[in-house]
PDB file of all heavy atoms in Angstrom:
ATOM      1  N   MET A   1       4.457 -11.290   2.567  1.00  0.00           N
ATOM      2  CA  MET A   1       5.699 -10.618   2.989  1.00  0.00           C
ATOM      3  C   MET A   1       6.669 -11.565   3.686  1.00  0.00           C
ATOM      4  O   MET A   1       7.330 -11.214   4.665  1.00  0.00           O
ATOM      5  CB  MET A   1       5.384  -9.421   3.886  1.00  0.00           C
ATOM      6  CG  MET A   1       4.689  -8.286   3.157  1.00  0.00           C
ATOM      7  SD  MET A   1       4.781  -6.713   4.021  1.00  0.00           S
ATOM      8  CE  MET A   1       6.527  -6.328   3.813  1.00  0.00           C
ATOM      9  N   GLY A   2       6.720 -12.793   3.189  1.00  0.00           N
ATOM     10  CA  GLY A   2       7.670 -13.759   3.727  1.00  0.00           C
ATOM     11  C   GLY A   2       7.183 -14.502   4.954  1.00  0.00           C
ATOM     12  O   GLY A   2       7.933 -15.272   5.549  1.00  0.00           O
ATOM     13  N   CYS A   3       5.905 -14.304   5.307  1.00  0.00           N
ATOM     14  CA  CYS A   3       5.371 -14.972   6.497  1.00  0.00           C
ATOM     15  C   CYS A   3       4.992 -16.424   6.230  1.00  0.00           C
ATOM     16  O   CYS A   3       4.954 -17.239   7.153  1.00  0.00           O
ATOM     17  CB  CYS A   3       4.142 -14.228   7.017  1.00  0.00           C
ATOM     18  SG  CYS A   3       4.479 -12.543   7.563  1.00  0.00           S
ATOM     19  N   VAL A   4       4.665 -16.748   4.956  1.00  0.00           N
ATOM     20  CA  VAL A   4       4.258 -18.104   4.616  1.00  0.00           C
ATOM     21  C   VAL A   4       4.949 -18.518   3.323  1.00  0.00           C
ATOM     22  O   VAL A   4       5.490 -17.686   2.586  1.00  0.00           O
ATOM     23  CB  VAL A   4       2.719 -18.206   4.444  1.00  0.00           C
ATOM     24  CG1 VAL A   4       2.002 -17.852   5.731  1.00  0.00           C
ATOM     25  CG2 VAL A   4       2.249 -17.308   3.314  1.00  0.00           C
ATOM     26  N   THR A   5       4.904 -19.803   3.037  1.00  0.00           N
ATOM     27  CA  THR A   5       5.471 -20.323   1.798  1.00  0.00           C
ATOM     28  C   THR A   5       4.446 -20.182   0.678  1.00  0.00           C
ATOM     29  O   THR A   5       3.280 -20.550   0.845  1.00  0.00           O
ATOM     30  CB  THR A   5       5.860 -21.798   1.961  1.00  0.00           C
ATOM     31  OG1 THR A   5       6.805 -21.914   3.030  1.00  0.00           O
ATOM     32  CG2 THR A   5       6.460 -22.346   0.675  1.00  0.00           C
ATOM     33  N   ALA A   6       4.886 -19.631  -0.428  1.00  0.00           N
ATOM     34  CA  ALA A   6       3.977 -19.419  -1.561  1.00  0.00           C
ATOM     35  C   ALA A   6       3.534 -20.739  -2.154  1.00  0.00           C
ATOM     36  O   ALA A   6       4.266 -21.730  -2.149  1.00  0.00           O
ATOM     37  CB  ALA A   6       4.660 -18.565  -2.615  1.00  0.00           C
ATOM     38  N   GLY A   7       2.292 -20.746  -2.682  1.00  0.00           N
ATOM     39  CA  GLY A   7       1.768 -21.907  -3.379  1.00  0.00           C
ATOM     40  C   GLY A   7       1.791 -21.675  -4.879  1.00  0.00           C
ATOM     41  O   GLY A   7       2.670 -20.974  -5.394  1.00  0.00           O
ATOM     42  N   THR A   8       0.787 -22.187  -5.571  1.00  0.00           N
ATOM     43  CA  THR A   8       0.793 -22.122  -7.033  1.00  0.00           C
ATOM     44  C   THR A   8      -0.452 -21.468  -7.618  1.00  0.00           C
ATOM     45  O   THR A   8      -0.455 -21.128  -8.803  1.00  0.00           O
ATOM     46  CB  THR A   8       0.917 -23.537  -7.631  1.00  0.00           C
ATOM     47  OG1 THR A   8      -0.167 -24.352  -7.158  1.00  0.00           O
ATOM     48  CG2 THR A   8       2.244 -24.175  -7.222  1.00  0.00           C
ATOM     49  N   PHE A   9      -1.533 -21.289  -6.828  1.00  0.00           N
ATOM     50  CA  PHE A   9      -2.765 -20.787  -7.414  1.00  0.00           C
ATOM     51  C   PHE A   9      -2.665 -19.305  -7.764  1.00  0.00           C
ATOM     52  O   PHE A   9      -2.149 -18.497  -6.994  1.00  0.00           O
ATOM     53  CB  PHE A   9      -3.954 -20.987  -6.459  1.00  0.00           C
ATOM     54  CG  PHE A   9      -5.217 -20.363  -6.993  1.00  0.00           C
ATOM     55  CD1 PHE A   9      -5.910 -20.954  -8.037  1.00  0.00           C
ATOM     56  CD2 PHE A   9      -5.701 -19.174  -6.476  1.00  0.00           C
ATOM     57  CE1 PHE A   9      -7.059 -20.370  -8.554  1.00  0.00           C
ATOM     58  CE2 PHE A   9      -6.853 -18.590  -6.981  1.00  0.00           C
ATOM     59  CZ  PHE A   9      -7.532 -19.194  -8.018  1.00  0.00           C
ATOM     60  N   THR A  10      -3.172 -18.950  -8.934  1.00  0.00           N
ATOM     61  CA  THR A  10      -3.264 -17.568  -9.375  1.00  0.00           C
ATOM     62  C   THR A  10      -4.503 -17.448 -10.265  1.00  0.00           C
ATOM     63  O   THR A  10      -4.854 -18.437 -10.927  1.00  0.00           O
ATOM     64  CB  THR A  10      -1.991 -17.135 -10.135  1.00  0.00           C
ATOM     65  OG1 THR A  10      -2.055 -15.742 -10.405  1.00  0.00           O
ATOM     66  CG2 THR A  10      -1.788 -17.911 -11.416  1.00  0.00           C
ATOM     67  N   PRO A  11      -5.228 -16.308 -10.322  1.00  0.00           N
ATOM     68  CA  PRO A  11      -4.899 -15.023  -9.711  1.00  0.00           C
ATOM     69  C   PRO A  11      -4.984 -15.068  -8.190  1.00  0.00           C
ATOM     70  O   PRO A  11      -5.736 -15.851  -7.631  1.00  0.00           O
ATOM     71  CB  PRO A  11      -5.960 -14.082 -10.306  1.00  0.00           C
ATOM     72  CG  PRO A  11      -7.104 -14.986 -10.650  1.00  0.00           C
ATOM     73  CD  PRO A  11      -6.489 -16.263 -11.096  1.00  0.00           C
ATOM     74  N   ALA A  12      -4.212 -14.197  -7.553  1.00  0.00           N
ATOM     75  CA  ALA A  12      -4.124 -14.224  -6.099  1.00  0.00           C
ATOM     76  C   ALA A  12      -3.915 -12.808  -5.564  1.00  0.00           C
ATOM     77  O   ALA A  12      -3.182 -12.010  -6.154  1.00  0.00           O
ATOM     78  CB  ALA A  12      -2.975 -15.127  -5.662  1.00  0.00           C
ATOM     79  N   ILE A  13      -4.546 -12.522  -4.435  1.00  0.00           N
ATOM     80  CA  ILE A  13      -4.542 -11.184  -3.853  1.00  0.00           C
ATOM     81  C   ILE A  13      -4.134 -11.262  -2.389  1.00  0.00           C
ATOM     82  O   ILE A  13      -4.543 -12.169  -1.659  1.00  0.00           O
ATOM     83  CB  ILE A  13      -5.945 -10.535  -3.936  1.00  0.00           C
ATOM     84  CG1 ILE A  13      -6.488 -10.589  -5.375  1.00  0.00           C
ATOM     85  CG2 ILE A  13      -5.922  -9.111  -3.409  1.00  0.00           C
ATOM     86  CD1 ILE A  13      -5.681  -9.804  -6.370  1.00  0.00           C
ATOM     87  N   GLU A  14      -3.307 -10.304  -1.949  1.00  0.00           N
ATOM     88  CA  GLU A  14      -2.962 -10.164  -0.537  1.00  0.00           C
ATOM     89  C   GLU A  14      -3.719  -8.999   0.085  1.00  0.00           C
ATOM     90  O   GLU A  14      -3.945  -7.977  -0.567  1.00  0.00           O
ATOM     91  CB  GLU A  14      -1.459  -9.900  -0.367  1.00  0.00           C
ATOM     92  CG  GLU A  14      -0.606 -11.134  -0.429  1.00  0.00           C
ATOM     93  CD  GLU A  14       0.872 -10.814  -0.262  1.00  0.00           C
ATOM     94  OE1 GLU A  14       1.251  -9.639  -0.422  1.00  0.00           O
ATOM     95  OE2 GLU A  14       1.648 -11.741   0.002  1.00  0.00           O
ATOM     96  N   ARG A  15      -4.077  -9.159   1.364  1.00  0.00           N
ATOM     97  CA  ARG A  15      -4.777  -8.124   2.117  1.00  0.00           C
ATOM     98  C   ARG A  15      -3.847  -7.593   3.213  1.00  0.00           C
ATOM     99  O   ARG A  15      -3.452  -8.310   4.115  1.00  0.00           O
ATOM    100  CB  ARG A  15      -6.048  -8.694   2.753  1.00  0.00           C
ATOM    101  CG  ARG A  15      -6.841  -7.704   3.607  1.00  0.00           C
ATOM    102  CD  ARG A  15      -7.947  -8.431   4.355  1.00  0.00           C
ATOM    103  NE  ARG A  15      -8.823  -7.530   5.080  1.00  0.00           N
ATOM    104  CZ  ARG A  15      -8.582  -7.059   6.312  1.00  0.00           C
ATOM    105  NH1 ARG A  15      -7.469  -7.404   6.951  1.00  0.00           N
ATOM    106  NH2 ARG A  15      -9.452  -6.263   6.901  1.00  0.00           N
ATOM    107  N   TYR A  16      -3.487  -6.299   3.105  1.00  0.00           N
ATOM    108  CA  TYR A  16      -2.642  -5.633   4.101  1.00  0.00           C
ATOM    109  C   TYR A  16      -3.530  -4.746   4.980  1.00  0.00           C
ATOM    110  O   TYR A  16      -4.321  -3.953   4.457  1.00  0.00           O
ATOM    111  CB  TYR A  16      -1.601  -4.735   3.436  1.00  0.00           C
ATOM    112  CG  TYR A  16      -0.513  -5.440   2.663  1.00  0.00           C
ATOM    113  CD1 TYR A  16      -0.774  -6.047   1.438  1.00  0.00           C
ATOM    114  CD2 TYR A  16       0.792  -5.469   3.140  1.00  0.00           C
ATOM    115  CE1 TYR A  16       0.228  -6.670   0.716  1.00  0.00           C
ATOM    116  CE2 TYR A  16       1.804  -6.084   2.428  1.00  0.00           C
ATOM    117  CZ  TYR A  16       1.513  -6.682   1.215  1.00  0.00           C
ATOM    118  OH  TYR A  16       2.509  -7.293   0.502  1.00  0.00           O
ATOM    119  N   GLU A  17      -3.386  -4.835   6.285  1.00  0.00           N
ATOM    120  CA  GLU A  17      -4.163  -3.999   7.201  1.00  0.00           C
ATOM    121  C   GLU A  17      -3.232  -3.118   8.027  1.00  0.00           C
ATOM    122  O   GLU A  17      -2.328  -3.610   8.707  1.00  0.00           O
ATOM    123  CB  GLU A  17      -5.018  -4.855   8.127  1.00  0.00           C
ATOM    124  CG  GLU A  17      -5.909  -4.046   9.063  1.00  0.00           C
ATOM    125  CD  GLU A  17      -6.864  -4.905   9.869  1.00  0.00           C
ATOM    126  OE1 GLU A  17      -7.434  -5.860   9.289  1.00  0.00           O
ATOM    127  OE2 GLU A  17      -7.048  -4.633  11.068  1.00  0.00           O
ATOM    128  N   PHE A  18      -3.461  -1.797   7.941  1.00  0.00           N
ATOM    129  CA  PHE A  18      -2.661  -0.809   8.668  1.00  0.00           C
ATOM    130  C   PHE A  18      -3.552  -0.065   9.658  1.00  0.00           C
ATOM    131  O   PHE A  18      -4.729   0.180   9.387  1.00  0.00           O
ATOM    132  CB  PHE A  18      -2.045   0.207   7.700  1.00  0.00           C
ATOM    133  CG  PHE A  18      -1.076  -0.376   6.709  1.00  0.00           C
ATOM    134  CD1 PHE A  18      -1.536  -0.951   5.520  1.00  0.00           C
ATOM    135  CD2 PHE A  18       0.290  -0.360   6.956  1.00  0.00           C
ATOM    136  CE1 PHE A  18      -0.640  -1.485   4.605  1.00  0.00           C
ATOM    137  CE2 PHE A  18       1.189  -0.893   6.037  1.00  0.00           C
ATOM    138  CZ  PHE A  18       0.715  -1.458   4.860  1.00  0.00           C
ATOM    139  N   LYS A  19      -2.989   0.325  10.794  1.00  0.00           N
ATOM    140  CA  LYS A  19      -3.731   1.104  11.784  1.00  0.00           C
ATOM    141  C   LYS A  19      -2.888   2.289  12.266  1.00  0.00           C
ATOM    142  O   LYS A  19      -1.665   2.188  12.395  1.00  0.00           O
ATOM    143  CB  LYS A  19      -4.134   0.245  12.988  1.00  0.00           C
ATOM    144  CG  LYS A  19      -5.207  -0.800  12.673  1.00  0.00           C
ATOM    145  CD  LYS A  19      -5.650  -1.539  13.914  1.00  0.00           C
ATOM    146  CE  LYS A  19      -6.709  -2.590  13.590  1.00  0.00           C
ATOM    147  NZ  LYS A  19      -7.976  -1.986  13.153  1.00  0.00           N
ATOM    148  N   GLY A  20      -3.576   3.401  12.513  1.00  0.00           N
ATOM    149  CA  GLY A  20      -2.922   4.601  13.030  1.00  0.00           C
ATOM    150  C   GLY A  20      -3.974   5.518  13.637  1.00  0.00           C
ATOM    151  O   GLY A  20      -5.173   5.206  13.620  1.00  0.00           O
ATOM    152  N   PHE A  21      -3.544   6.655  14.141  1.00  0.00           N
ATOM    153  CA  PHE A  21      -4.461   7.571  14.828  1.00  0.00           C
ATOM    154  C   PHE A  21      -4.456   8.933  14.135  1.00  0.00           C
ATOM    155  O   PHE A  21      -3.394   9.477  13.811  1.00  0.00           O
ATOM    156  CB  PHE A  21      -4.064   7.731  16.294  1.00  0.00           C
ATOM    157  CG  PHE A  21      -4.221   6.467  17.093  1.00  0.00           C
ATOM    158  CD1 PHE A  21      -3.160   5.576  17.222  1.00  0.00           C
ATOM    159  CD2 PHE A  21      -5.435   6.159  17.690  1.00  0.00           C
ATOM    160  CE1 PHE A  21      -3.305   4.398  17.944  1.00  0.00           C
ATOM    161  CE2 PHE A  21      -5.590   4.988  18.414  1.00  0.00           C
ATOM    162  CZ  PHE A  21      -4.525   4.111  18.537  1.00  0.00           C
ATOM    163  N   MET A  22      -5.667   9.466  13.913  1.00  0.00           N
ATOM    164  CA  MET A  22      -5.803  10.809  13.341  1.00  0.00           C
ATOM    165  C   MET A  22      -6.542  11.701  14.334  1.00  0.00           C
ATOM    166  O   MET A  22      -7.426  11.252  15.067  1.00  0.00           O
ATOM    167  CB  MET A  22      -6.540  10.777  12.003  1.00  0.00           C
ATOM    168  CG  MET A  22      -8.021  10.504  12.102  1.00  0.00           C
ATOM    169  SD  MET A  22      -8.876  10.764  10.518  1.00  0.00           S
ATOM    170  CE  MET A  22     -10.564  10.360  10.972  1.00  0.00           C
ATOM    171  N   ASN A  23      -6.177  12.982  14.335  1.00  0.00           N
ATOM    172  CA  ASN A  23      -6.797  13.965  15.212  1.00  0.00           C
ATOM    173  C   ASN A  23      -7.535  14.988  14.355  1.00  0.00           C
ATOM    174  O   ASN A  23      -6.913  15.718  13.578  1.00  0.00           O
ATOM    175  CB  ASN A  23      -5.732  14.658  16.078  1.00  0.00           C
ATOM    176  CG  ASN A  23      -6.339  15.649  17.056  1.00  0.00           C
ATOM    177  OD1 ASN A  23      -7.562  15.785  17.156  1.00  0.00           O
ATOM    178  ND2 ASN A  23      -5.490  16.344  17.793  1.00  0.00           N
ATOM    179  N   VAL A  24      -8.868  15.013  14.460  1.00  0.00           N
ATOM    180  CA  VAL A  24      -9.668  16.019  13.766  1.00  0.00           C
ATOM    181  C   VAL A  24     -10.508  16.799  14.778  1.00  0.00           C
ATOM    182  O   VAL A  24     -11.490  17.444  14.423  1.00  0.00           O
ATOM    183  CB  VAL A  24     -10.584  15.385  12.691  1.00  0.00           C
ATOM    184  CG1 VAL A  24      -9.761  14.808  11.557  1.00  0.00           C
ATOM    185  CG2 VAL A  24     -11.495  14.315  13.297  1.00  0.00           C
TER     186      VAL A  24
END
């Protein structure tokens, strides 16, 4: 997401981590 400069290797995967709160 624009945080680093892209390289050339592919296939390539990004890992996104989200956090939130649920009430059950």
